[in-house]
Amino acid sequence: MEETTQRKTMKLRENKEKDQSKKKPSMTPLQKNQARAEKILQNEAKEQNSRRQRQIDQYVEMKMIKGHSKEDAIRMAKEQINTKEL
């Protein structure tokens, strides 16, 4: 029976998955919880940065509507938002 390209690809993927599973040491429950906690902290930091950026964008838009230049509006927004959350 001839081996098709798809069959060869599947074999390669299976071998890679086996190799990866061998390389990966099993984690203890404590390590799993620590890894989970690190992910939670990373996600919270990412969400806080996106929230802060959204606040700055909205502040800049409001100031530009009131007639300020974009550079001044960005400067004011960063001063206002960054000092407010400290």
C-alpha atoms as a PDB file:
ATOM      1  CA  MET A   1       0.000   0.000   0.000  1.00  0.00           C
ATOM      2  CA  GLU A   2       1.309   3.423  -0.963  1.00  0.00           C
ATOM      3  CA  GLU A   3       1.776   6.070   1.688  1.00  0.00           C
ATOM      4  CA  THR A   4       0.008   9.259   0.827  1.00  0.00           C
ATOM      5  CA  THR A   5       1.172  12.715   1.784  1.00  0.00           C
ATOM      6  CA  GLN A   6      -1.612  12.974   4.315  1.00  0.00           C
ATOM      7  CA  ARG A   7      -0.592   9.713   5.964  1.00  0.00           C
ATOM      8  CA  LYS A   8       3.039  10.852   6.175  1.00  0.00           C
ATOM      9  CA  THR A   9       1.955  14.142   7.700  1.00  0.00           C
ATOM     10  CA  MET A  10      -0.186  12.372  10.277  1.00  0.00           C
ATOM     11  CA  LYS A  11       2.707  10.097  11.243  1.00  0.00           C
ATOM     12  CA  LEU A  12       5.026  13.072  11.652  1.00  0.00           C
ATOM     13  CA  ARG A  13       2.504  14.852  13.851  1.00  0.00           C
ATOM     14  CA  GLU A  14       1.977  11.767  16.000  1.00  0.00           C
ATOM     15  CA  ASN A  15       5.719  11.362  16.463  1.00  0.00           C
ATOM     16  CA  LYS A  16       6.132  15.023  17.395  1.00  0.00           C
ATOM     17  CA  GLU A  17       3.310  14.756  19.928  1.00  0.00           C
ATOM     18  CA  LYS A  18       4.925  11.687  21.465  1.00  0.00           C
ATOM     19  CA  ASP A  19       8.288  13.469  21.647  1.00  0.00           C
ATOM     20  CA  GLN A  20       6.739  16.530  23.246  1.00  0.00           C
ATOM     21  CA  SER A  21       4.908  14.463  25.828  1.00  0.00           C
ATOM     22  CA  LYS A  22       8.150  12.719  26.751  1.00  0.00           C
ATOM     23  CA  LYS A  23      10.033  15.992  27.176  1.00  0.00           C
ATOM     24  CA  LYS A  24       7.402  17.571  29.388  1.00  0.00           C
ATOM     25  CA  PRO A  25       7.849  16.586  33.037  1.00  0.00           C
ATOM     26  CA  SER A  26       4.691  16.052  35.038  1.00  0.00           C
ATOM     27  CA  MET A  27       3.797  18.933  37.279  1.00  0.00           C
ATOM     28  CA  THR A  28       2.943  18.626  40.929  1.00  0.00           C
ATOM     29  CA  PRO A  29      -0.323  20.171  42.136  1.00  0.00           C
ATOM     30  CA  LEU A  30       1.636  23.036  43.690  1.00  0.00           C
ATOM     31  CA  GLN A  31       3.387  23.772  40.385  1.00  0.00           C
ATOM     32  CA  LYS A  32       0.081  23.642  38.528  1.00  0.00           C
ATOM     33  CA  ASN A  33      -1.469  26.130  40.943  1.00  0.00           C
ATOM     34  CA  GLN A  34       1.551  28.425  40.681  1.00  0.00           C
ATOM     35  CA  ALA A  35       1.389  28.338  36.893  1.00  0.00           C
ATOM     36  CA  ARG A  36      -2.348  29.056  37.037  1.00  0.00           C
ATOM     37  CA  ALA A  37      -1.746  31.986  39.422  1.00  0.00           C
ATOM     38  CA  GLU A  38       0.907  33.424  37.110  1.00  0.00           C
ATOM     39  CA  LYS A  39      -1.508  33.230  34.165  1.00  0.00           C
ATOM     40  CA  ILE A  40      -4.205  34.963  36.225  1.00  0.00           C
ATOM     41  CA  LEU A  41      -1.811  37.783  37.145  1.00  0.00           C
ATOM     42  CA  GLN A  42      -0.714  38.160  33.511  1.00  0.00           C
ATOM     43  CA  ASN A  43      -4.329  38.333  32.351  1.00  0.00           C
ATOM     44  CA  GLU A  44      -5.201  40.896  35.018  1.00  0.00           C
ATOM     45  CA  ALA A  45      -2.237  43.071  34.041  1.00  0.00           C
ATOM     46  CA  LYS A  46      -3.177  42.819  30.367  1.00  0.00           C
ATOM     47  CA  GLU A  47      -6.778  43.767  31.141  1.00  0.00           C
ATOM     48  CA  GLN A  48      -5.671  46.701  33.310  1.00  0.00           C
ATOM     49  CA  ASN A  49      -3.411  47.997  30.519  1.00  0.00           C
ATOM     50  CA  SER A  50      -6.186  47.728  27.946  1.00  0.00           C
ATOM     51  CA  ARG A  51      -8.620  49.478  30.310  1.00  0.00           C
ATOM     52  CA  ARG A  52      -6.114  52.285  30.928  1.00  0.00           C
ATOM     53  CA  GLN A  53      -5.476  52.652  27.171  1.00  0.00           C
ATOM     54  CA  ARG A  54      -9.220  52.785  26.488  1.00  0.00           C
ATOM     55  CA  GLN A  55      -9.585  55.527  29.146  1.00  0.00           C
ATOM     56  CA  ILE A  56      -6.744  57.511  27.579  1.00  0.00           C
ATOM     57  CA  ASP A  57      -8.269  57.176  24.101  1.00  0.00           C
ATOM     58  CA  GLN A  58     -11.660  58.379  25.331  1.00  0.00           C
ATOM     59  CA  TYR A  59     -10.088  61.291  27.226  1.00  0.00           C
ATOM     60  CA  VAL A  60      -8.078  62.319  24.163  1.00  0.00           C
ATOM     61  CA  GLU A  61     -11.178  62.189  21.993  1.00  0.00           C
ATOM     62  CA  MET A  62     -13.114  64.368  24.455  1.00  0.00           C
ATOM     63  CA  LYS A  63     -10.311  66.940  24.685  1.00  0.00           C
ATOM     64  CA  MET A  64      -9.947  67.085  20.887  1.00  0.00           C
ATOM     65  CA  ILE A  65     -13.683  67.744  20.584  1.00  0.00           C
ATOM     66  CA  LYS A  66     -13.215  70.652  23.015  1.00  0.00           C
ATOM     67  CA  GLY A  67     -10.524  72.115  20.764  1.00  0.00           C
ATOM     68  CA  HIS A  68      -7.189  70.928  22.154  1.00  0.00           C
ATOM     69  CA  SER A  69      -4.461  69.659  19.850  1.00  0.00           C
ATOM     70  CA  LYS A  70      -3.867  65.926  19.714  1.00  0.00           C
ATOM     71  CA  GLU A  71      -0.424  66.188  21.334  1.00  0.00           C
ATOM     72  CA  ASP A  72      -1.762  68.290  24.223  1.00  0.00           C
ATOM     73  CA  ALA A  73      -4.730  65.978  24.641  1.00  0.00           C
ATOM     74  CA  ILE A  74      -2.488  62.904  24.807  1.00  0.00           C
ATOM     75  CA  ARG A  75      -0.195  64.576  27.330  1.00  0.00           C
ATOM     76  CA  MET A  76      -3.129  65.662  29.507  1.00  0.00           C
ATOM     77  CA  ALA A  77      -4.755  62.252  29.275  1.00  0.00           C
ATOM     78  CA  LYS A  78      -1.622  60.399  30.355  1.00  0.00           C
ATOM     79  CA  GLU A  79      -1.106  62.787  33.254  1.00  0.00           C
ATOM     80  CA  GLN A  80      -4.725  62.507  34.349  1.00  0.00           C
ATOM     81  CA  ILE A  81      -5.164  58.737  33.953  1.00  0.00           C
ATOM     82  CA  ASN A  82      -1.768  57.673  35.301  1.00  0.00           C
ATOM     83  CA  THR A  83      -1.936  59.865  38.426  1.00  0.00           C
ATOM     84  CA  LYS A  84      -5.547  58.848  39.098  1.00  0.00           C
ATOM     85  CA  GLU A  85      -4.741  55.131  39.387  1.00  0.00           C
ATOM     86  CA  LEU A  86      -1.682  55.438  41.622  1.00  0.00           C
END
